[in-house]
């Protein structure tokens, strides 16, 4: 699902809202999540999951084409951990063979 499909589904479920308003709301939510992560904050949506930022320290890597060693700079990457409720819904009825 892409963002425009998400906006469309929310608008269909809420006919009292204009689609442009739903799009503004979705954009505002996503912008706030990005802004919080940029500040180094953690964003937790109960039952859905938590967004955070992880640090990847500088390291020595390899160019896969030439095998030459290259310096890889330190960077920060977004990380998402699913919430318990989401994991349960995704795995509802799935037999894992460990019971």
PDB file of N, CA and C in Angstrom:
ATOM      1  N   UNK A   1       0.849  -1.176   0.000  1.00  0.00           N
ATOM      2  CA  UNK A   1       0.000   0.000   0.000  1.00  0.00           C
ATOM      3  C   UNK A   1       0.890   1.233   0.000  1.00  0.00           C
ATOM      4  N   UNK A   2       0.539   2.183  -0.844  1.00  0.00           N
ATOM      5  CA  UNK A   2       1.266   3.447  -0.870  1.00  0.00           C
ATOM      6  C   UNK A   2       0.418   4.518  -0.180  1.00  0.00           C
ATOM      7  N   UNK A   3       1.054   5.669   0.074  1.00  0.00           N
ATOM      8  CA  UNK A   3       0.388   6.703   0.863  1.00  0.00           C
ATOM      9  C   UNK A   3      -0.947   7.133   0.248  1.00  0.00           C
ATOM     10  N   UNK A   4      -1.006   7.283  -1.055  1.00  0.00           N
ATOM     11  CA  UNK A   4      -2.260   7.716  -1.686  1.00  0.00           C
ATOM     12  C   UNK A   4      -3.373   6.689  -1.482  1.00  0.00           C
ATOM     13  N   UNK A   5      -3.018   5.394  -1.454  1.00  0.00           N
ATOM     14  CA  UNK A   5      -4.019   4.354  -1.192  1.00  0.00           C
ATOM     15  C   UNK A   5      -4.489   4.413   0.258  1.00  0.00           C
ATOM     16  N   UNK A   6      -3.580   4.688   1.162  1.00  0.00           N
ATOM     17  CA  UNK A   6      -3.938   4.843   2.570  1.00  0.00           C
ATOM     18  C   UNK A   6      -4.913   6.006   2.736  1.00  0.00           C
ATOM     19  N   UNK A   7      -4.601   7.131   2.113  1.00  0.00           N
ATOM     20  CA  UNK A   7      -5.477   8.307   2.183  1.00  0.00           C
ATOM     21  C   UNK A   7      -6.851   7.954   1.621  1.00  0.00           C
ATOM     22  N   UNK A   8      -6.877   7.263   0.497  1.00  0.00           N
ATOM     23  CA  UNK A   8      -8.138   6.888  -0.138  1.00  0.00           C
ATOM     24  C   UNK A   8      -8.981   6.008   0.789  1.00  0.00           C
ATOM     25  N   UNK A   9      -8.369   5.010   1.417  1.00  0.00           N
ATOM     26  CA  UNK A   9      -9.109   4.110   2.319  1.00  0.00           C
ATOM     27  C   UNK A   9      -9.654   4.846   3.531  1.00  0.00           C
ATOM     28  N   UNK A  10      -8.842   5.734   4.104  1.00  0.00           N
ATOM     29  CA  UNK A  10      -9.307   6.496   5.260  1.00  0.00           C
ATOM     30  C   UNK A  10     -10.468   7.401   4.848  1.00  0.00           C
ATOM     31  N   UNK A  11     -10.363   8.027   3.682  1.00  0.00           N
ATOM     32  CA  UNK A  11     -11.435   8.906   3.196  1.00  0.00           C
ATOM     33  C   UNK A  11     -12.715   8.113   2.955  1.00  0.00           C
ATOM     34  N   UNK A  12     -12.590   6.894   2.430  1.00  0.00           N
ATOM     35  CA  UNK A  12     -13.769   6.057   2.186  1.00  0.00           C
ATOM     36  C   UNK A  12     -14.459   5.666   3.493  1.00  0.00           C
ATOM     37  N   UNK A  13     -13.676   5.422   4.532  1.00  0.00           N
ATOM     38  CA  UNK A  13     -14.242   5.037   5.836  1.00  0.00           C
ATOM     39  C   UNK A  13     -14.799   6.230   6.601  1.00  0.00           C
ATOM     40  N   UNK A  14     -14.436   7.416   6.173  1.00  0.00           N
ATOM     41  CA  UNK A  14     -14.877   8.639   6.849  1.00  0.00           C
ATOM     42  C   UNK A  14     -15.456   9.605   5.823  1.00  0.00           C
ATOM     43  N   UNK A  15     -16.657   9.306   5.304  1.00  0.00           N
ATOM     44  CA  UNK A  15     -17.220  10.126   4.232  1.00  0.00           C
ATOM     45  C   UNK A  15     -17.522  11.570   4.643  1.00  0.00           C
ATOM     46  N   UNK A  16     -17.534  11.842   5.938  1.00  0.00           N
ATOM     47  CA  UNK A  16     -17.771  13.209   6.401  1.00  0.00           C
ATOM     48  C   UNK A  16     -16.527  14.088   6.259  1.00  0.00           C
ATOM     49  N   UNK A  17     -15.383  13.484   5.908  1.00  0.00           N
ATOM     50  CA  UNK A  17     -14.140  14.235   5.723  1.00  0.00           C
ATOM     51  C   UNK A  17     -13.814  14.344   4.240  1.00  0.00           C
ATOM     52  N   UNK A  18     -13.294  15.502   3.844  1.00  0.00           N
ATOM     53  CA  UNK A  18     -12.824  15.671   2.472  1.00  0.00           C
ATOM     54  C   UNK A  18     -11.509  14.923   2.301  1.00  0.00           C
ATOM     55  N   UNK A  19     -11.295  14.376   1.114  1.00  0.00           N
ATOM     56  CA  UNK A  19     -10.059  13.621   0.868  1.00  0.00           C
ATOM     57  C   UNK A  19      -8.833  14.510   1.068  1.00  0.00           C
ATOM     58  N   UNK A  20      -8.892  15.772   0.678  1.00  0.00           N
ATOM     59  CA  UNK A  20      -7.730  16.660   0.851  1.00  0.00           C
ATOM     60  C   UNK A  20      -7.419  16.860   2.330  1.00  0.00           C
ATOM     61  N   UNK A  21      -8.469  16.864   3.185  1.00  0.00           N
ATOM     62  CA  UNK A  21      -8.235  17.001   4.629  1.00  0.00           C
ATOM     63  C   UNK A  21      -7.585  15.745   5.185  1.00  0.00           C
ATOM     64  N   UNK A  22      -8.041  14.582   4.722  1.00  0.00           N
ATOM     65  CA  UNK A  22      -7.429  13.321   5.148  1.00  0.00           C
ATOM     66  C   UNK A  22      -5.959  13.290   4.730  1.00  0.00           C
ATOM     67  N   UNK A  23      -5.677  13.742   3.505  1.00  0.00           N
ATOM     68  CA  UNK A  23      -4.296  13.773   3.025  1.00  0.00           C
ATOM     69  C   UNK A  23      -3.446  14.701   3.885  1.00  0.00           C
ATOM     70  N   UNK A  24      -3.989  15.856   4.268  1.00  0.00           N
ATOM     71  CA  UNK A  24      -3.258  16.788   5.139  1.00  0.00           C
ATOM     72  C   UNK A  24      -2.990  16.159   6.506  1.00  0.00           C
ATOM     73  N   UNK A  25      -3.950  15.426   7.037  1.00  0.00           N
ATOM     74  CA  UNK A  25      -3.786  14.773   8.338  1.00  0.00           C
ATOM     75  C   UNK A  25      -2.705  13.700   8.268  1.00  0.00           C
ATOM     76  N   UNK A  26      -2.767  12.853   7.238  1.00  0.00           N
ATOM     77  CA  UNK A  26      -1.766  11.792   7.074  1.00  0.00           C
ATOM     78  C   UNK A  26      -0.375  12.418   6.928  1.00  0.00           C
ATOM     79  N   UNK A  27      -0.261  13.455   6.106  1.00  0.00           N
ATOM     80  CA  UNK A  27       1.032  14.122   5.935  1.00  0.00           C
ATOM     81  C   UNK A  27       1.529  14.734   7.236  1.00  0.00           C
ATOM     82  N   UNK A  28       0.624  15.324   8.018  1.00  0.00           N
ATOM     83  CA  UNK A  28       1.013  15.933   9.296  1.00  0.00           C
ATOM     84  C   UNK A  28       1.539  14.871  10.260  1.00  0.00           C
ATOM     85  N   UNK A  29       0.872  13.730  10.316  1.00  0.00           N
ATOM     86  CA  UNK A  29       1.321  12.644  11.201  1.00  0.00           C
ATOM     87  C   UNK A  29       2.707  12.158  10.788  1.00  0.00           C
ATOM     88  N   UNK A  30       2.876  11.890   9.498  1.00  0.00           N
ATOM     89  CA  UNK A  30       4.174  11.398   9.025  1.00  0.00           C
ATOM     90  C   UNK A  30       5.270  12.441   9.219  1.00  0.00           C
ATOM     91  N   UNK A  31       4.952  13.717   8.984  1.00  0.00           N
ATOM     92  CA  UNK A  31       5.939  14.783   9.186  1.00  0.00           C
ATOM     93  C   UNK A  31       6.364  14.867  10.649  1.00  0.00           C
ATOM     94  N   UNK A  32       5.413  14.697  11.568  1.00  0.00           N
ATOM     95  CA  UNK A  32       5.744  14.746  12.998  1.00  0.00           C
ATOM     96  C   UNK A  32       6.621  13.559  13.412  1.00  0.00           C
ATOM     97  N   UNK A  33       6.346  12.395  12.846  1.00  0.00           N
ATOM     98  CA  UNK A  33       7.182  11.220  13.139  1.00  0.00           C
ATOM     99  C   UNK A  33       8.606  11.477  12.665  1.00  0.00           C
ATOM    100  N   UNK A  34       8.749  11.983  11.438  1.00  0.00           N
ATOM    101  CA  UNK A  34      10.082  12.276  10.893  1.00  0.00           C
ATOM    102  C   UNK A  34      10.790  13.345  11.730  1.00  0.00           C
ATOM    103  N   UNK A  35      10.067  14.399  12.117  1.00  0.00           N
ATOM    104  CA  UNK A  35      10.672  15.468  12.919  1.00  0.00           C
ATOM    105  C   UNK A  35      11.140  14.944  14.272  1.00  0.00           C
ATOM    106  N   UNK A  36      10.338  14.088  14.893  1.00  0.00           N
ATOM    107  CA  UNK A  36      10.724  13.514  16.190  1.00  0.00           C
ATOM    108  C   UNK A  36      11.976  12.657  16.041  1.00  0.00           C
ATOM    109  N   UNK A  37      12.026  11.842  15.001  1.00  0.00           N
ATOM    110  CA  UNK A  37      13.210  11.006  14.776  1.00  0.00           C
ATOM    111  C   UNK A  37      14.439  11.858  14.496  1.00  0.00           C
ATOM    112  N   UNK A  38      14.257  12.944  13.760  1.00  0.00           N
ATOM    113  CA  UNK A  38      15.379  13.843  13.467  1.00  0.00           C
ATOM    114  C   UNK A  38      15.926  14.476  14.743  1.00  0.00           C
ATOM    115  N   UNK A  39      15.057  14.678  15.744  1.00  0.00           N
ATOM    116  CA  UNK A  39      15.498  15.214  17.045  1.00  0.00           C
ATOM    117  C   UNK A  39      16.128  14.134  17.918  1.00  0.00           C
ATOM    118  N   UNK A  40      16.034  12.883  17.471  1.00  0.00           N
ATOM    119  CA  UNK A  40      16.564  11.786  18.272  1.00  0.00           C
ATOM    120  C   UNK A  40      15.544  11.183  19.212  1.00  0.00           C
ATOM    121  N   UNK A  41      14.292  11.596  19.082  1.00  0.00           N
ATOM    122  CA  UNK A  41      13.220  11.064  19.928  1.00  0.00           C
ATOM    123  C   UNK A  41      12.751   9.715  19.410  1.00  0.00           C
ATOM    124  N   UNK A  42      12.056   9.006  20.271  1.00  0.00           N
ATOM    125  CA  UNK A  42      11.431   7.732  19.929  1.00  0.00           C
ATOM    126  C   UNK A  42       9.933   7.991  19.803  1.00  0.00           C
ATOM    127  N   UNK A  43       9.296   7.383  18.807  1.00  0.00           N
ATOM    128  CA  UNK A  43       7.860   7.563  18.597  1.00  0.00           C
ATOM    129  C   UNK A  43       7.182   6.214  18.797  1.00  0.00           C
ATOM    130  N   UNK A  44       6.308   6.144  19.795  1.00  0.00           N
ATOM    131  CA  UNK A  44       5.617   4.887  20.092  1.00  0.00           C
ATOM    132  C   UNK A  44       4.130   5.045  19.827  1.00  0.00           C
ATOM    133  N   UNK A  45       3.599   4.159  19.000  1.00  0.00           N
ATOM    134  CA  UNK A  45       2.167   4.116  18.717  1.00  0.00           C
ATOM    135  C   UNK A  45       1.666   2.806  19.305  1.00  0.00           C
ATOM    136  N   UNK A  46       1.035   2.878  20.464  1.00  0.00           N
ATOM    137  CA  UNK A  46       0.609   1.681  21.206  1.00  0.00           C
ATOM    138  C   UNK A  46      -0.183   0.736  20.317  1.00  0.00           C
ATOM    139  N   UNK A  47       0.177  -0.529  20.374  1.00  0.00           N
ATOM    140  CA  UNK A  47      -0.497  -1.556  19.594  1.00  0.00           C
ATOM    141  C   UNK A  47       0.020  -1.656  18.171  1.00  0.00           C
ATOM    142  N   UNK A  48       0.727  -0.628  17.700  1.00  0.00           N
ATOM    143  CA  UNK A  48       1.246  -0.627  16.340  1.00  0.00           C
ATOM    144  C   UNK A  48       2.741  -0.900  16.349  1.00  0.00           C
ATOM    145  N   UNK A  49       3.493  -0.053  17.049  1.00  0.00           N
ATOM    146  CA  UNK A  49       4.935  -0.248  17.113  1.00  0.00           C
ATOM    147  C   UNK A  49       5.645   1.022  17.520  1.00  0.00           C
ATOM    148  N   UNK A  50       6.961   0.960  17.473  1.00  0.00           N
ATOM    149  CA  UNK A  50       7.783   2.092  17.888  1.00  0.00           C
ATOM    150  C   UNK A  50       8.845   2.378  16.837  1.00  0.00           C
ATOM    151  N   UNK A  51       8.993   3.658  16.518  1.00  0.00           N
ATOM    152  CA  UNK A  51      10.026   4.115  15.610  1.00  0.00           C
ATOM    153  C   UNK A  51      11.158   4.692  16.449  1.00  0.00           C
ATOM    154  N   UNK A  52      12.389   4.386  16.078  1.00  0.00           N
ATOM    155  CA  UNK A  52      13.535   4.973  16.754  1.00  0.00           C
ATOM    156  C   UNK A  52      14.658   5.118  15.736  1.00  0.00           C
ATOM    157  N   UNK A  53      15.759   5.686  16.189  1.00  0.00           N
ATOM    158  CA  UNK A  53      16.912   5.887  15.327  1.00  0.00           C
ATOM    159  C   UNK A  53      18.075   5.092  15.916  1.00  0.00           C
ATOM    160  N   UNK A  54      18.751   4.339  15.068  1.00  0.00           N
ATOM    161  CA  UNK A  54      19.921   3.583  15.512  1.00  0.00           C
ATOM    162  C   UNK A  54      21.166   4.158  14.854  1.00  0.00           C
ATOM    163  N   UNK A  55      22.238   4.137  15.617  1.00  0.00           N
ATOM    164  CA  UNK A  55      23.516   4.625  15.122  1.00  0.00           C
ATOM    165  C   UNK A  55      24.294   3.472  14.506  1.00  0.00           C
ATOM    166  N   UNK A  56      24.794   3.678  13.307  1.00  0.00           N
ATOM    167  CA  UNK A  56      25.698   2.729  12.662  1.00  0.00           C
ATOM    168  C   UNK A  56      27.073   3.393  12.664  1.00  0.00           C
ATOM    169  N   UNK A  57      28.007   2.883  13.490  1.00  0.00           N
ATOM    170  CA  UNK A  57      29.314   3.533  13.577  1.00  0.00           C
ATOM    171  C   UNK A  57      30.102   3.410  12.270  1.00  0.00           C
ATOM    172  N   UNK A  58      31.081   4.296  12.113  1.00  0.00           N
ATOM    173  CA  UNK A  58      31.958   4.236  10.952  1.00  0.00           C
ATOM    174  C   UNK A  58      32.660   2.878  10.939  1.00  0.00           C
ATOM    175  N   UNK A  59      32.922   2.382   9.739  1.00  0.00           N
ATOM    176  CA  UNK A  59      33.563   1.078   9.629  1.00  0.00           C
ATOM    177  C   UNK A  59      34.320   1.003   8.318  1.00  0.00           C
ATOM    178  N   UNK A  60      35.081  -0.046   8.197  1.00  0.00           N
ATOM    179  CA  UNK A  60      35.806  -0.318   6.968  1.00  0.00           C
ATOM    180  C   UNK A  60      34.993  -1.331   6.177  1.00  0.00           C
ATOM    181  N   UNK A  61      34.566  -0.965   4.980  1.00  0.00           N
ATOM    182  CA  UNK A  61      33.768  -1.857   4.149  1.00  0.00           C
ATOM    183  C   UNK A  61      34.531  -2.268   2.911  1.00  0.00           C
ATOM    184  N   UNK A  62      33.849  -2.980   2.040  1.00  0.00           N
ATOM    185  CA  UNK A  62      34.462  -3.410   0.783  1.00  0.00           C
ATOM    186  C   UNK A  62      33.566  -3.055  -0.392  1.00  0.00           C
ATOM    187  N   UNK A  63      34.194  -2.631  -1.459  1.00  0.00           N
ATOM    188  CA  UNK A  63      33.485  -2.427  -2.703  1.00  0.00           C
ATOM    189  C   UNK A  63      33.225  -3.823  -3.285  1.00  0.00           C
ATOM    190  N   UNK A  64      31.963  -4.229  -3.436  1.00  0.00           N
ATOM    191  CA  UNK A  64      31.697  -5.602  -3.891  1.00  0.00           C
ATOM    192  C   UNK A  64      32.172  -5.868  -5.320  1.00  0.00           C
ATOM    193  N   UNK A  65      32.281  -4.837  -6.115  1.00  0.00           N
ATOM    194  CA  UNK A  65      32.713  -5.023  -7.502  1.00  0.00           C
ATOM    195  C   UNK A  65      34.212  -5.243  -7.612  1.00  0.00           C
ATOM    196  N   UNK A  66      34.994  -4.452  -6.846  1.00  0.00           N
ATOM    197  CA  UNK A  66      36.448  -4.510  -6.982  1.00  0.00           C
ATOM    198  C   UNK A  66      37.129  -5.209  -5.805  1.00  0.00           C
ATOM    199  N   UNK A  67      36.418  -5.350  -4.681  1.00  0.00           N
ATOM    200  CA  UNK A  67      37.025  -5.937  -3.494  1.00  0.00           C
ATOM    201  C   UNK A  67      37.870  -4.934  -2.718  1.00  0.00           C
ATOM    202  N   UNK A  68      37.967  -3.728  -3.241  1.00  0.00           N
ATOM    203  CA  UNK A  68      38.768  -2.683  -2.605  1.00  0.00           C
ATOM    204  C   UNK A  68      38.130  -2.239  -1.294  1.00  0.00           C
ATOM    205  N   UNK A  69      38.956  -1.982  -0.273  1.00  0.00           N
ATOM    206  CA  UNK A  69      38.451  -1.508   1.007  1.00  0.00           C
ATOM    207  C   UNK A  69      38.060  -0.037   0.889  1.00  0.00           C
ATOM    208  N   UNK A  70      36.937   0.307   1.505  1.00  0.00           N
ATOM    209  CA  UNK A  70      36.466   1.699   1.493  1.00  0.00           C
ATOM    210  C   UNK A  70      36.009   2.073   2.892  1.00  0.00           C
ATOM    211  N   UNK A  71      36.171   3.349   3.226  1.00  0.00           N
ATOM    212  CA  UNK A  71      35.688   3.856   4.502  1.00  0.00           C
ATOM    213  C   UNK A  71      34.195   4.132   4.390  1.00  0.00           C
ATOM    214  N   UNK A  72      33.430   3.632   5.347  1.00  0.00           N
ATOM    215  CA  UNK A  72      32.000   3.895   5.401  1.00  0.00           C
ATOM    216  C   UNK A  72      31.774   4.804   6.608  1.00  0.00           C
ATOM    217  N   UNK A  73      31.200   5.979   6.350  1.00  0.00           N
ATOM    218  CA  UNK A  73      30.986   6.965   7.411  1.00  0.00           C
ATOM    219  C   UNK A  73      29.929   6.493   8.409  1.00  0.00           C
ATOM    220  N   UNK A  74      29.993   7.062   9.601  1.00  0.00           N
ATOM    221  CA  UNK A  74      28.954   6.847  10.609  1.00  0.00           C
ATOM    222  C   UNK A  74      27.640   7.376  10.055  1.00  0.00           C
ATOM    223  N   UNK A  75      26.543   6.689  10.384  1.00  0.00           N
ATOM    224  CA  UNK A  75      25.240   7.180   9.947  1.00  0.00           C
ATOM    225  C   UNK A  75      24.167   6.747  10.932  1.00  0.00           C
ATOM    226  N   UNK A  76      23.040   7.420  10.830  1.00  0.00           N
ATOM    227  CA  UNK A  76      21.871   7.110  11.649  1.00  0.00           C
ATOM    228  C   UNK A  76      20.792   6.563  10.721  1.00  0.00           C
ATOM    229  N   UNK A  77      20.174   5.475  11.141  1.00  0.00           N
ATOM    230  CA  UNK A  77      19.150   4.841  10.315  1.00  0.00           C
ATOM    231  C   UNK A  77      17.866   4.667  11.127  1.00  0.00           C
ATOM    232  N   UNK A  78      16.703   4.806  10.453  1.00  0.00           N
ATOM    233  CA  UNK A  78      15.443   4.590  11.158  1.00  0.00           C
ATOM    234  C   UNK A  78      15.257   3.110  11.460  1.00  0.00           C
ATOM    235  N   UNK A  79      14.596   2.834  12.575  1.00  0.00           N
ATOM    236  CA  UNK A  79      14.352   1.459  13.008  1.00  0.00           C
ATOM    237  C   UNK A  79      12.910   1.375  13.484  1.00  0.00           C
ATOM    238  N   UNK A  80      12.217   0.301  13.116  1.00  0.00           N
ATOM    239  CA  UNK A  80      10.832   0.110  13.529  1.00  0.00           C
ATOM    240  C   UNK A  80      10.702  -1.238  14.213  1.00  0.00           C
ATOM    241  N   UNK A  81      10.104  -1.241  15.382  1.00  0.00           N
ATOM    242  CA  UNK A  81       9.832  -2.478  16.103  1.00  0.00           C
ATOM    243  C   UNK A  81       8.324  -2.599  16.251  1.00  0.00           C
ATOM    244  N   UNK A  82       7.768  -3.718  15.785  1.00  0.00           N
ATOM    245  CA  UNK A  82       6.319  -3.891  15.849  1.00  0.00           C
ATOM    246  C   UNK A  82       5.854  -4.024  17.292  1.00  0.00           C
ATOM    247  N   UNK A  83       4.624  -3.589  17.511  1.00  0.00           N
ATOM    248  CA  UNK A  83       4.002  -3.723  18.821  1.00  0.00           C
ATOM    249  C   UNK A  83       3.424  -5.119  18.980  1.00  0.00           C
ATOM    250  N   UNK A  84       3.153  -5.477  20.221  1.00  0.00           N
ATOM    251  CA  UNK A  84       2.629  -6.811  20.527  1.00  0.00           C
ATOM    252  C   UNK A  84       1.307  -7.080  19.817  1.00  0.00           C
ATOM    253  N   UNK A  85       0.403  -6.104  19.836  1.00  0.00           N
ATOM    254  CA  UNK A  85      -0.912  -6.288  19.208  1.00  0.00           C
ATOM    255  C   UNK A  85      -0.773  -6.553  17.709  1.00  0.00           C
ATOM    256  N   UNK A  86       0.128  -5.833  17.042  1.00  0.00           N
ATOM    257  CA  UNK A  86       0.328  -6.058  15.615  1.00  0.00           C
ATOM    258  C   UNK A  86       0.886  -7.451  15.362  1.00  0.00           C
ATOM    259  N   UNK A  87       1.871  -7.854  16.143  1.00  0.00           N
ATOM    260  CA  UNK A  87       2.445  -9.199  15.971  1.00  0.00           C
ATOM    261  C   UNK A  87       1.381 -10.268  16.154  1.00  0.00           C
ATOM    262  N   UNK A  88       0.519 -10.092  17.167  1.00  0.00           N
ATOM    263  CA  UNK A  88      -0.545 -11.071  17.394  1.00  0.00           C
ATOM    264  C   UNK A  88      -1.521 -11.117  16.226  1.00  0.00           C
ATOM    265  N   UNK A  89      -1.896  -9.961  15.688  1.00  0.00           N
ATOM    266  CA  UNK A  89      -2.820  -9.932  14.549  1.00  0.00           C
ATOM    267  C   UNK A  89      -2.195 -10.536  13.305  1.00  0.00           C
ATOM    268  N   UNK A  90      -0.908 -10.287  13.093  1.00  0.00           N
ATOM    269  CA  UNK A  90      -0.231 -10.831  11.918  1.00  0.00           C
ATOM    270  C   UNK A  90      -0.073 -12.340  12.004  1.00  0.00           C
ATOM    271  N   UNK A  91       0.054 -12.850  13.211  1.00  0.00           N
ATOM    272  CA  UNK A  91       0.298 -14.278  13.398  1.00  0.00           C
ATOM    273  C   UNK A  91      -0.917 -15.032  13.897  1.00  0.00           C
ATOM    274  N   UNK A  92      -2.078 -14.411  13.888  1.00  0.00           N
ATOM    275  CA  UNK A  92      -3.305 -15.059  14.336  1.00  0.00           C
ATOM    276  C   UNK A  92      -3.574 -16.308  13.509  1.00  0.00           C
ATOM    277  N   UNK A  93      -3.647 -17.422  14.183  1.00  0.00           N
ATOM    278  CA  UNK A  93      -3.947 -18.677  13.495  1.00  0.00           C
ATOM    279  C   UNK A  93      -2.770 -19.339  12.834  1.00  0.00           C
ATOM    280  N   UNK A  94      -1.575 -18.752  12.965  1.00  0.00           N
ATOM    281  CA  UNK A  94      -0.392 -19.355  12.348  1.00  0.00           C
ATOM    282  C   UNK A  94       0.183 -20.391  13.296  1.00  0.00           C
ATOM    283  N   UNK A  95       0.345 -21.619  12.801  1.00  0.00           N
ATOM    284  CA  UNK A  95       0.928 -22.689  13.617  1.00  0.00           C
ATOM    285  C   UNK A  95       2.431 -22.660  13.468  1.00  0.00           C
ATOM    286  N   UNK A  96       3.118 -22.385  14.563  1.00  0.00           N
ATOM    287  CA  UNK A  96       4.572 -22.300  14.532  1.00  0.00           C
ATOM    288  C   UNK A  96       5.236 -23.629  14.869  1.00  0.00           C
ATOM    289  N   UNK A  97       4.458 -24.651  15.200  1.00  0.00           N
ATOM    290  CA  UNK A  97       5.016 -25.971  15.477  1.00  0.00           C
ATOM    291  C   UNK A  97       5.757 -26.085  16.789  1.00  0.00           C
ATOM    292  N   UNK A  98       5.731 -25.067  17.637  1.00  0.00           N
ATOM    293  CA  UNK A  98       6.463 -25.120  18.893  1.00  0.00           C
ATOM    294  C   UNK A  98       5.537 -25.271  20.092  1.00  0.00           C
ATOM    295  N   UNK A  99       4.302 -25.670  19.851  1.00  0.00           N
ATOM    296  CA  UNK A  99       3.363 -25.792  20.955  1.00  0.00           C
ATOM    297  C   UNK A  99       3.083 -27.237  21.263  1.00  0.00           C
TER     298      UNK A  99
END
